Protein backbone atom coordinates (compact mmCIF):
# COMPACT_ATOMS: atom_id res chain seq x y z
CA MET A 1 -121.23 22.03 77.44
CA ASN A 2 -122.45 21.65 80.86
CA SER A 3 -123.58 17.98 82.27
CA ASN A 4 -127.01 19.75 83.45
CA TYR A 5 -127.75 20.81 79.57
CA LYS A 6 -130.76 19.05 78.40
CA SER A 7 -132.24 20.32 74.53
CA GLU A 8 -135.72 20.18 73.16
CA VAL A 9 -137.59 19.65 76.67
CA PHE A 10 -141.13 19.50 76.77
CA LEU A 11 -143.04 21.78 78.79
CA SER A 12 -146.77 22.30 79.68
CA TYR A 13 -149.10 24.37 82.19
CA GLU A 14 -152.65 23.93 82.54
CA CYS A 15 -155.08 26.53 84.81
CA GLU A 16 -158.28 27.80 84.59
CA PHE A 17 -158.75 31.31 84.01
CA ASN A 18 -161.13 33.73 83.55
CA GLU A 19 -163.98 30.89 82.77
CA PHE A 20 -161.46 29.36 80.33
CA PHE A 21 -159.13 26.27 80.94
CA VAL A 22 -155.72 27.20 79.16
CA HIS A 23 -153.41 24.08 78.26
CA ILE A 24 -150.30 25.62 76.78
CA GLU A 25 -147.16 23.77 75.53
CA GLY A 26 -143.88 23.92 73.91
CA ARG A 27 -140.27 22.82 73.81
CA ALA A 28 -137.52 24.94 75.36
CA ASP A 29 -134.42 24.78 73.31
CA GLY A 30 -132.29 23.89 76.15
CA LEU A 31 -132.23 24.13 79.75
CA ILE A 32 -129.60 23.91 82.01
CA ILE A 33 -130.88 22.29 85.46
CA ASN A 34 -129.83 23.42 88.69
CA GLU A 35 -130.42 22.98 91.94
CA ASP A 36 -132.34 26.25 92.90
CA SER A 37 -132.53 27.59 89.37
CA ILE A 38 -132.90 27.31 86.04
CA ILE A 39 -131.30 28.30 82.59
CA VAL A 40 -133.58 28.87 79.60
CA ASP A 41 -131.29 28.43 76.26
CA GLU A 42 -133.66 30.27 73.44
CA ILE A 43 -131.58 29.90 70.58
CA LYS A 44 -132.25 31.80 67.21
CA SER A 45 -130.16 31.37 63.75
CA CYS A 46 -130.21 34.88 61.35
CA VAL A 47 -128.74 35.81 58.10
CA GLY A 48 -127.33 39.29 58.75
CA ASP A 49 -126.43 41.17 61.73
CA ILE A 50 -127.25 39.55 64.68
CA GLU A 51 -127.51 42.58 66.82
CA GLU A 52 -129.81 44.34 64.60
CA PHE A 53 -131.74 40.90 64.35
CA HIS A 54 -131.83 40.48 68.03
CA LYS A 55 -132.92 44.15 68.28
CA ARG A 56 -136.00 43.75 65.92
CA HIS A 57 -137.47 40.67 67.62
CA GLU A 58 -136.00 40.50 71.15
CA ASN A 59 -139.56 41.04 72.67
CA TRP A 60 -140.85 38.20 70.81
CA HIS A 61 -137.70 35.99 71.75
CA LEU A 62 -137.49 37.24 75.25
CA GLY A 63 -141.53 37.04 75.69
CA GLN A 64 -141.30 33.12 74.34
CA ALA A 65 -138.77 32.56 77.05
CA LYS A 66 -140.02 33.91 79.67
CA ILE A 67 -142.98 31.57 79.24
CA TYR A 68 -140.91 28.71 78.90
CA ALA A 69 -139.20 29.96 82.16
CA PHE A 70 -142.58 30.37 84.12
CA MET A 71 -143.97 26.90 83.01
CA TYR A 72 -140.41 25.27 84.26
CA CYS A 73 -140.45 27.16 87.52
CA ASN A 74 -143.97 26.75 88.31
CA ALA A 75 -143.60 22.96 87.71
CA HIS A 76 -140.14 22.62 89.91
CA LYS A 77 -141.02 25.44 92.67
CA ILE A 78 -137.79 27.01 91.28
CA ASN A 79 -137.76 31.15 92.29
CA ASP A 80 -134.69 31.82 90.13
CA ALA A 81 -134.47 32.03 86.08
CA THR A 82 -131.84 32.99 83.87
CA ILE A 83 -132.88 33.15 80.01
CA VAL A 84 -130.07 33.51 77.62
CA LEU A 85 -131.13 34.41 73.91
CA THR A 86 -128.48 32.92 71.61
CA TYR A 87 -127.97 33.83 68.19
CA ILE A 88 -126.00 32.20 65.92
CA SER A 89 -125.14 33.49 62.18
CA GLN A 90 -126.51 31.06 59.41
CA GLU A 91 -123.57 33.02 57.32
CA ASP A 92 -120.83 32.04 59.75
CA ASN A 93 -121.45 29.46 62.48
CA ASN A 94 -118.40 30.94 64.65
CA ASN A 95 -120.45 34.16 65.03
CA VAL A 96 -122.55 33.85 68.02
CA LYS A 97 -123.79 35.98 70.27
CA LYS A 98 -126.03 35.84 73.70
CA TYR A 99 -128.02 37.93 75.86
CA PHE A 100 -128.62 37.32 79.31
CA TYR A 101 -131.58 38.14 81.50
CA SER A 102 -132.79 37.25 85.07
CA TYR A 103 -136.05 37.13 86.77
CA LYS A 104 -137.99 35.98 89.92
CA PHE A 105 -140.72 33.83 89.46
CA THR A 106 -143.08 36.09 90.53
CA GLU A 107 -141.92 38.68 87.48
CA LEU A 108 -142.50 35.73 85.25
CA GLU A 109 -145.47 34.67 86.65
CA THR A 110 -147.25 38.11 86.66
CA TYR A 111 -145.56 38.20 82.87
CA PHE A 112 -147.74 34.94 82.14
CA PHE A 113 -151.00 36.10 83.71
CA GLU A 114 -151.21 39.47 82.19
CA LEU A 115 -150.69 37.77 78.63
CA LEU A 116 -152.84 35.81 78.96
CA PHE A 117 -155.76 38.21 80.45
CA GLU A 118 -154.62 40.18 77.60
CA TYR A 119 -155.61 37.48 75.18
CA LEU A 120 -158.40 35.95 76.73
CA GLU A 121 -159.69 39.65 76.57
CA PHE A 122 -159.80 39.84 73.03
CA GLU A 123 -161.16 35.90 72.55
CA LYS A 124 -164.12 36.91 74.75
CA ILE A 125 -164.71 39.42 71.94
CA VAL A 126 -163.97 37.10 69.17
CA ILE A 127 -166.77 34.84 70.73
CA ARG A 128 -169.57 37.41 71.47
CA HIS A 129 -169.03 38.78 67.97
CA LYS A 130 -169.19 34.83 66.74
CA THR A 131 -172.28 34.51 69.01
CA LYS A 132 -173.88 37.49 67.41
CA ILE A 133 -173.14 36.40 63.82
CA ARG A 134 -174.72 32.95 64.25
CA LYS A 135 -178.01 34.67 66.12
CA ASN A 136 -178.17 36.59 63.08
CA ILE A 137 -177.83 33.68 60.40
CA LYS A 138 -180.55 31.90 62.66
CA ARG A 139 -182.73 34.96 62.75
CA ASN A 140 -182.48 35.54 58.91
CA ILE A 141 -182.82 32.21 58.16
CA TYR A 142 -186.07 31.50 59.81
CA ASP A 143 -187.39 35.32 59.17
CA ASN A 144 -186.73 35.54 55.51
CA ASP A 145 -187.42 32.08 54.14
CA LYS A 146 -190.52 30.14 55.69
CA LYS A 147 -189.85 27.26 54.00
CA TYR A 148 -186.60 26.45 56.14
CA HIS A 149 -187.16 25.26 59.16
CA LYS A 150 -185.57 26.98 62.14
CA PRO A 151 -182.25 25.37 62.65
CA ASN A 152 -180.69 23.84 65.66
CA ILE A 153 -177.89 26.02 66.78
CA LYS A 154 -176.76 25.66 70.42
CA ILE A 155 -174.16 27.98 71.82
CA SER A 156 -172.72 27.38 75.14
CA ARG A 157 -170.16 29.68 77.36
CA VAL A 158 -169.24 27.28 80.00
CA SER A 159 -165.80 26.71 79.40
CA LYS A 160 -163.48 26.35 76.46
CA PHE A 161 -160.32 24.33 75.93
CA TYR A 162 -157.42 25.88 74.35
CA ASN A 163 -154.44 24.92 72.72
CA PHE A 164 -151.71 27.91 72.83
CA PHE A 165 -148.72 28.71 70.99
CA LEU A 166 -146.63 31.81 71.10
CA CYS A 167 -147.19 34.61 68.52
CA GLN A 168 -145.56 37.54 68.07
CA ASN A 169 -147.99 40.72 68.09
CA LYS A 170 -147.18 42.69 65.32
CA PHE A 171 -149.13 45.99 66.64
CA SER A 172 -147.60 46.10 69.68
CA SER A 173 -144.07 44.86 71.56
CA LYS A 174 -146.12 42.47 73.19
CA THR A 175 -145.43 38.82 72.57
CA LEU A 176 -149.25 37.34 72.44
CA ILE A 177 -150.46 33.78 73.11
CA LEU A 178 -152.73 32.87 70.37
CA PHE A 179 -154.80 29.46 70.05
């Protein structure tokens, strides 16, 4: 094992983006920290054929590792990242396969912000829908039954704090960040 290998490394990132304050955190399974580069080791175990499992879940697993690589590279001003997806068979611990991917920081940054933009656009739709429902409930209570006092509902949209974790979107091949 490499002496630079660190396991279960906590990573976090905060930013303001499109009217939202975003806080993202997670634990990388393993990092090999070099002076001018980083290797992110994302470890998965499976039952059955490793190659088939990898093919089915590559986008999800790679997306998770890309976010970790982005967070580390951003915090430490590193430009080169290698991601290793390590798959271990639960049926035979000696059956291990590794898949390697290399990225520049700018590629990871683009991936991260495109993902964040996609999610926050969806979140805006959810907020509009919840606001509409609240207004309809407020109007119906007041209009349909005069014995009830008009509820004091305040809806503000200044900024919202989100805790995110990574989740696979089952409708596309992209990884989404959900709260």
